[in-house]
Amino acid sequence: MFNITGFIIEGFADISELHIPLFIIFLLIYIFIISANLTIVVVIWKNPHLHTPMYMFLVNLSFIDISLTTNVLPKLLAMLCTGTKTISFLGCITQMYLYVSLSVSEIILLGFMAYDRYVAICHPLRYVVLMPLKKSSMLSIISWFGGFADPIGHTLLISRMSFCSFHVIDHFFCDVNPLLFISCTDASNVELLNYIEGAFLGIGMCLLTVISYGFIIGTIMKLKSSESRRKAFSTCTAHLTCVIVFYGTLICLYIRPSSSYSPKQDKYFSLLNLVFVPLLNPIIYSLKNEDIKKVLIG
């Protein structure tokens, strides 16, 4: 056994000739994600008529997406630009903890947002009573607290694992599965935690979201105006697509045995979760929103 003081992150070593194009692409994506989400936060903050539960949830979603991408992309950009692939043990464990925490926070928040839309569309006359601003603020706090409390067990278990003499992570950031893959310690406890939390939290919130949107679609289909149905159904489908992609990638990443781990496959799923979803969220949830568009246009 050896005490590991740091790791080497392999990144995209198999396509080293594309590092500069990848750097430019990821930099532009990162700038867009930060700019779009900050724009949403500022617009909602400066317009009191947008201080409603729906928009307060959007502010929290924007902060989560900013934090999630900032936890990974700057380090990845530095790796692509300079070729420096090392990361300290503490830095790696911290990056893993933040990534899982923020992902879980988004899982919980998306479930609450789906419930909020269900109340607004299916019970519009009782919306103010069922979803006051104070309640939405409390649900937002729960999503952050739950997210940061959830991976504490994983983090403690993984931080005490032995990694023998092998310290090369075949991924572009520190995550649970890549670390389990190179560990020479039994990972059954961490896998058990993954299954338990995945069953109760991931699948539970996913079901809440799907059921909420099921009722929403049922209500939309009862609208008399075909134009109203078309617009509402289009928006609902777009929201549901983002949610399914986000939940689906996380389920594929974590609710499976380590024996089926595939570094290449994990990279693709992680890119979807880290880049594709945060890229679409501002467009789907906010920039297509009529109230926000009116404020932006002036």
Protein backbone atom coordinates (compact mmCIF):
# COMPACT_ATOMS: atom_id res chain seq x y z
CA MET A 1 0.00 0.00 0.00
CA PHE A 2 1.10 3.57 -0.72
CA ASN A 3 -0.03 6.93 0.56
CA ILE A 4 -1.26 8.95 -2.41
CA THR A 5 -0.62 12.70 -2.21
CA GLY A 6 -2.16 13.49 -5.59
CA PHE A 7 -3.55 12.18 -8.85
CA ILE A 8 -2.95 12.59 -12.56
CA ILE A 9 -6.15 13.34 -14.49
CA GLU A 10 -5.93 11.68 -17.89
CA GLY A 11 -8.53 13.95 -19.49
CA PHE A 12 -8.81 13.55 -23.27
CA ALA A 13 -5.36 12.06 -23.83
CA ASP A 14 -6.63 9.82 -26.64
CA ILE A 15 -7.44 12.90 -28.75
CA SER A 16 -4.51 15.13 -27.79
CA GLU A 17 -4.45 16.66 -31.29
CA LEU A 18 -7.87 18.20 -30.55
CA HIS A 19 -6.94 19.85 -27.25
CA ILE A 20 -6.83 23.39 -28.66
CA PRO A 21 -10.20 23.10 -30.48
CA LEU A 22 -11.68 21.52 -27.34
CA PHE A 23 -10.26 24.36 -25.23
CA ILE A 24 -11.96 26.95 -27.46
CA ILE A 25 -15.27 25.06 -27.48
CA PHE A 26 -15.35 24.52 -23.71
CA LEU A 27 -14.28 28.12 -23.05
CA LEU A 28 -17.13 29.49 -25.21
CA ILE A 29 -19.60 27.12 -23.55
CA TYR A 30 -18.39 28.14 -20.08
CA ILE A 31 -18.67 31.85 -20.92
CA PHE A 32 -22.20 31.34 -22.25
CA ILE A 33 -23.31 29.33 -19.19
CA ILE A 34 -21.97 31.95 -16.77
CA SER A 35 -23.27 34.93 -18.77
CA ALA A 36 -26.73 33.49 -19.41
CA ASN A 37 -27.27 32.41 -15.81
CA LEU A 38 -25.98 35.67 -14.34
CA THR A 39 -28.26 37.57 -16.72
CA ILE A 40 -31.23 35.58 -15.43
CA VAL A 41 -30.27 36.25 -11.80
CA VAL A 42 -29.84 40.01 -12.38
CA VAL A 43 -33.07 40.33 -14.38
CA ILE A 44 -35.11 38.57 -11.68
CA TRP A 45 -33.37 40.44 -8.87
CA LYS A 46 -34.00 43.88 -10.42
CA ASN A 47 -37.67 43.30 -11.27
CA PRO A 48 -39.92 42.97 -8.20
CA HIS A 49 -42.82 41.59 -10.27
CA LEU A 50 -40.63 38.53 -10.94
CA HIS A 51 -40.15 37.83 -7.23
CA THR A 52 -42.44 34.80 -7.35
CA PRO A 53 -41.79 31.16 -6.39
CA MET A 54 -41.18 30.07 -10.00
CA TYR A 55 -38.50 32.68 -10.57
CA MET A 56 -36.93 32.16 -7.16
CA PHE A 57 -36.48 28.50 -8.11
CA LEU A 58 -34.89 29.65 -11.39
CA VAL A 59 -32.42 31.85 -9.50
CA ASN A 60 -31.36 28.85 -7.42
CA LEU A 61 -31.08 26.68 -10.54
CA SER A 62 -28.85 29.31 -12.13
CA PHE A 63 -26.56 29.42 -9.09
CA ILE A 64 -26.33 25.61 -9.05
CA ASP A 65 -25.43 25.46 -12.76
CA ILE A 66 -22.83 28.22 -12.35
CA SER A 67 -21.29 26.41 -9.37
CA LEU A 68 -21.43 22.98 -11.04
CA THR A 69 -19.60 24.09 -14.18
CA THR A 70 -17.15 26.31 -12.28
CA ASN A 71 -16.16 23.34 -10.12
CA VAL A 72 -14.94 21.41 -13.20
CA LEU A 73 -14.51 23.47 -16.38
CA PRO A 74 -11.79 25.96 -15.26
CA LYS A 75 -9.53 23.06 -14.21
CA LEU A 76 -10.32 21.24 -17.47
CA LEU A 77 -9.54 24.38 -19.49
CA ALA A 78 -6.19 24.74 -17.69
CA MET A 79 -5.39 21.09 -18.44
CA LEU A 80 -6.21 21.50 -22.14
CA CYS A 81 -4.22 24.73 -22.42
CA THR A 82 -1.11 23.98 -20.36
CA GLY A 83 -1.04 20.18 -20.30
CA THR A 84 -0.80 20.19 -16.49
CA LYS A 85 -2.78 17.17 -15.30
CA THR A 86 -1.91 16.89 -11.63
CA ILE A 87 -4.32 17.51 -8.78
CA SER A 88 -3.72 17.12 -5.05
CA PHE A 89 -5.51 14.42 -3.06
CA LEU A 90 -7.43 17.06 -1.08
CA GLY A 91 -8.25 18.97 -4.26
CA CYS A 92 -9.55 15.81 -5.91
CA ILE A 93 -11.73 14.80 -2.97
CA THR A 94 -13.07 18.36 -2.72
CA GLN A 95 -13.92 18.48 -6.43
CA MET A 96 -15.71 15.13 -6.17
CA TYR A 97 -17.68 16.25 -3.10
CA LEU A 98 -18.77 19.54 -4.70
CA TYR A 99 -19.75 17.84 -7.96
CA VAL A 100 -21.94 15.26 -6.22
CA SER A 101 -23.38 17.86 -3.81
CA LEU A 102 -24.39 20.27 -6.56
CA SER A 103 -25.79 17.46 -8.73
CA VAL A 104 -27.95 16.21 -5.86
CA SER A 105 -29.08 19.78 -5.11
CA GLU A 106 -30.21 20.10 -8.73
CA ILE A 107 -32.02 16.75 -8.58
CA ILE A 108 -34.03 17.93 -5.56
CA LEU A 109 -34.61 21.42 -6.96
CA LEU A 110 -35.90 20.12 -10.32
CA GLY A 111 -38.40 17.96 -8.45
CA PHE A 112 -39.63 20.97 -6.48
CA MET A 113 -39.79 23.06 -9.66
CA ALA A 114 -41.94 20.40 -11.34
CA TYR A 115 -44.28 20.40 -8.35
CA ASP A 116 -44.43 24.21 -8.48
CA ARG A 117 -45.45 24.08 -12.17
CA TYR A 118 -48.05 21.42 -11.33
CA VAL A 119 -49.65 23.65 -8.69
CA ALA A 120 -49.52 26.73 -10.96
CA ILE A 121 -51.12 25.02 -13.97
CA CYS A 122 -53.45 22.48 -12.36
CA HIS A 123 -54.55 24.60 -9.36
CA PRO A 124 -54.10 28.23 -10.50
CA LEU A 125 -56.73 29.68 -8.15
CA ARG A 126 -55.05 28.12 -5.10
CA TYR A 127 -51.46 28.74 -6.24
CA VAL A 128 -50.78 31.64 -3.86
CA VAL A 129 -52.04 29.59 -0.92
CA LEU A 130 -50.33 26.31 -1.86
CA MET A 131 -47.01 27.84 -2.95
CA PRO A 132 -46.27 31.10 -1.10
CA LEU A 133 -42.86 32.72 -1.53
CA LYS A 134 -41.85 31.64 1.98
CA LYS A 135 -42.54 28.00 1.12
CA SER A 136 -40.54 28.17 -2.12
CA SER A 137 -37.63 29.73 -0.22
CA MET A 138 -37.75 26.90 2.31
CA LEU A 139 -37.83 24.28 -0.47
CA SER A 140 -34.81 25.96 -2.10
CA ILE A 141 -32.91 25.82 1.20
CA ILE A 142 -33.82 22.14 1.55
CA SER A 143 -32.44 21.42 -1.93
CA TRP A 144 -29.09 23.06 -1.07
CA PHE A 145 -28.86 21.50 2.40
CA GLY A 146 -29.90 18.06 1.13
CA GLY A 147 -27.40 18.26 -1.70
CA PHE A 148 -24.44 19.11 0.52
CA ALA A 149 -25.41 16.64 3.25
CA ASP A 150 -26.01 13.69 0.92
CA PRO A 151 -22.43 12.88 -0.25
CA ILE A 152 -20.74 13.23 3.14
CA GLY A 153 -20.80 9.45 3.60
CA HIS A 154 -19.33 8.83 0.13
CA THR A 155 -16.63 11.42 0.71
CA LEU A 156 -15.53 10.01 4.07
CA LEU A 157 -15.42 6.44 2.76
CA ILE A 158 -13.51 7.32 -0.42
CA SER A 159 -11.06 9.60 1.40
CA ARG A 160 -10.04 6.62 3.58
CA MET A 161 -9.52 4.24 0.66
CA SER A 162 -6.12 3.02 -0.48
CA PHE A 163 -5.07 3.60 -4.08
CA CYS A 164 -1.90 1.48 -4.04
CA SER A 165 0.65 2.83 -6.52
CA PHE A 166 -1.85 3.59 -9.29
CA HIS A 167 -2.93 7.21 -9.29
CA VAL A 168 -3.96 7.98 -12.89
CA ILE A 169 -7.66 8.91 -13.22
CA ASP A 170 -9.03 8.10 -16.67
CA HIS A 171 -11.51 10.97 -16.64
CA PHE A 172 -11.49 14.75 -17.05
CA PHE A 173 -12.27 15.49 -13.38
CA CYS A 174 -12.45 13.73 -10.02
CA ASP A 175 -15.67 11.78 -9.60
CA VAL A 176 -16.88 8.83 -7.54
CA ASN A 177 -16.65 6.06 -10.15
CA PRO A 178 -13.17 6.90 -11.53
CA LEU A 179 -11.79 6.93 -7.97
CA LEU A 180 -13.47 3.62 -7.12
CA PHE A 181 -12.05 2.14 -10.32
CA ILE A 182 -8.42 2.82 -9.32
CA SER A 183 -8.85 1.99 -5.64
CA CYS A 184 -7.50 -1.26 -4.25
CA THR A 185 -9.96 -1.14 -1.34
CA ASP A 186 -13.31 -2.95 -1.29
CA ALA A 187 -15.89 -0.47 -2.66
CA SER A 188 -19.04 -2.41 -1.70
CA ASN A 189 -20.01 0.10 1.02
CA VAL A 190 -19.86 3.03 -1.42
CA GLU A 191 -21.82 1.05 -4.03
CA LEU A 192 -24.47 0.22 -1.44
CA LEU A 193 -24.79 3.92 -0.60
CA ASN A 194 -25.16 4.69 -4.31
CA TYR A 195 -28.02 2.19 -4.68
CA ILE A 196 -29.84 3.32 -1.53
CA GLU A 197 -29.58 7.03 -2.31
CA GLY A 198 -30.30 6.45 -5.98
CA ALA A 199 -33.46 4.51 -5.16
CA PHE A 200 -34.84 6.90 -2.55
CA LEU A 201 -33.58 10.24 -3.83
CA GLY A 202 -32.78 10.03 -7.54
CA ILE A 203 -35.63 7.80 -8.66
CA GLY A 204 -37.99 9.34 -6.08
CA MET A 205 -37.47 12.91 -7.33
CA CYS A 206 -37.55 11.69 -10.93
CA LEU A 207 -40.96 10.11 -10.31
CA LEU A 208 -42.20 13.31 -8.63
CA THR A 209 -41.12 15.25 -11.70
CA VAL A 210 -42.61 12.85 -14.25
CA ILE A 211 -45.92 12.53 -12.34
CA SER A 212 -46.17 16.33 -11.97
CA TYR A 213 -45.62 16.82 -15.69
CA GLY A 214 -48.10 14.03 -16.40
CA PHE A 215 -50.82 15.98 -14.58
CA ILE A 216 -49.67 19.18 -16.30
CA ILE A 217 -49.96 17.61 -19.75
CA GLY A 218 -53.41 16.26 -18.83
CA THR A 219 -54.52 19.78 -17.87
CA ILE A 220 -53.01 21.27 -21.02
CA MET A 221 -54.92 18.83 -23.22
CA LYS A 222 -58.18 20.14 -21.75
CA LEU A 223 -57.49 23.71 -22.91
CA LYS A 224 -59.99 24.87 -25.53
CA SER A 225 -57.59 27.00 -27.56
CA SER A 226 -55.37 24.90 -29.85
CA GLU A 227 -52.77 27.70 -29.89
CA SER A 228 -52.63 27.74 -26.08
CA ARG A 229 -52.29 23.95 -26.06
CA ARG A 230 -49.48 24.09 -28.61
CA LYS A 231 -47.46 26.72 -26.72
CA ALA A 232 -47.97 25.10 -23.33
CA PHE A 233 -47.21 21.61 -24.63
CA SER A 234 -44.06 22.85 -26.41
CA THR A 235 -42.72 24.48 -23.24
CA CYS A 236 -43.65 21.48 -21.09
CA THR A 237 -41.95 19.05 -23.49
CA ALA A 238 -38.77 21.15 -23.52
CA HIS A 239 -38.68 21.25 -19.70
CA LEU A 240 -39.28 17.51 -19.45
CA THR A 241 -36.55 16.77 -22.02
CA CYS A 242 -33.93 18.63 -19.94
CA VAL A 243 -35.06 16.88 -16.78
CA ILE A 244 -34.96 13.41 -18.36
CA VAL A 245 -31.47 14.01 -19.80
CA PHE A 246 -30.22 15.24 -16.41
CA TYR A 247 -31.79 12.44 -14.35
CA GLY A 248 -30.94 9.84 -16.98
CA THR A 249 -27.24 10.65 -17.10
CA LEU A 250 -26.94 10.59 -13.30
CA ILE A 251 -28.77 7.25 -13.06
CA CYS A 252 -26.48 5.79 -15.75
CA LEU A 253 -23.42 7.16 -13.95
CA TYR A 254 -24.10 6.07 -10.39
CA ILE A 255 -26.76 3.36 -10.12
CA ARG A 256 -24.67 0.48 -11.45
CA PRO A 257 -21.94 -1.86 -10.13
CA SER A 258 -18.32 -0.75 -10.43
CA SER A 259 -17.60 -3.91 -12.46
CA SER A 260 -19.54 -2.40 -15.38
CA TYR A 261 -17.59 0.87 -15.23
CA SER A 262 -16.42 2.19 -18.61
CA PRO A 263 -14.14 5.28 -18.53
CA LYS A 264 -15.02 6.31 -22.08
CA GLN A 265 -18.76 5.91 -21.49
CA ASP A 266 -18.53 7.84 -18.21
CA LYS A 267 -16.86 10.76 -19.97
CA TYR A 268 -19.75 11.05 -22.43
CA PHE A 269 -22.40 10.90 -19.70
CA SER A 270 -20.48 13.42 -17.59
CA LEU A 271 -20.20 15.81 -20.54
CA LEU A 272 -23.97 15.64 -21.00
CA ASN A 273 -24.49 16.37 -17.32
CA LEU A 274 -21.83 19.10 -17.02
CA VAL A 275 -22.12 20.86 -20.37
CA PHE A 276 -25.30 19.98 -22.26
CA VAL A 277 -27.80 20.39 -19.39
CA PRO A 278 -26.38 23.68 -17.96
CA LEU A 279 -26.19 24.95 -21.55
CA LEU A 280 -29.87 24.21 -22.18
CA ASN A 281 -31.30 25.17 -18.78
CA PRO A 282 -31.04 28.98 -19.28
CA ILE A 283 -32.57 28.68 -22.75
CA ILE A 284 -35.36 26.26 -21.90
CA TYR A 285 -36.34 27.47 -18.44
CA SER A 286 -35.76 31.19 -18.72
CA LEU A 287 -34.71 32.73 -22.03
CA LYS A 288 -37.82 31.21 -23.67
CA ASN A 289 -39.92 32.68 -20.86
CA GLU A 290 -42.12 35.56 -22.05
CA ASP A 291 -41.77 37.63 -18.84
CA ILE A 292 -37.97 37.50 -18.93
CA LYS A 293 -37.87 38.15 -22.68
CA LYS A 294 -40.02 41.28 -22.24
CA VAL A 295 -37.61 42.63 -19.61
CA LEU A 296 -34.55 41.86 -21.76
CA ILE A 297 -36.04 43.42 -24.89
CA GLY A 298 -37.01 46.45 -22.89
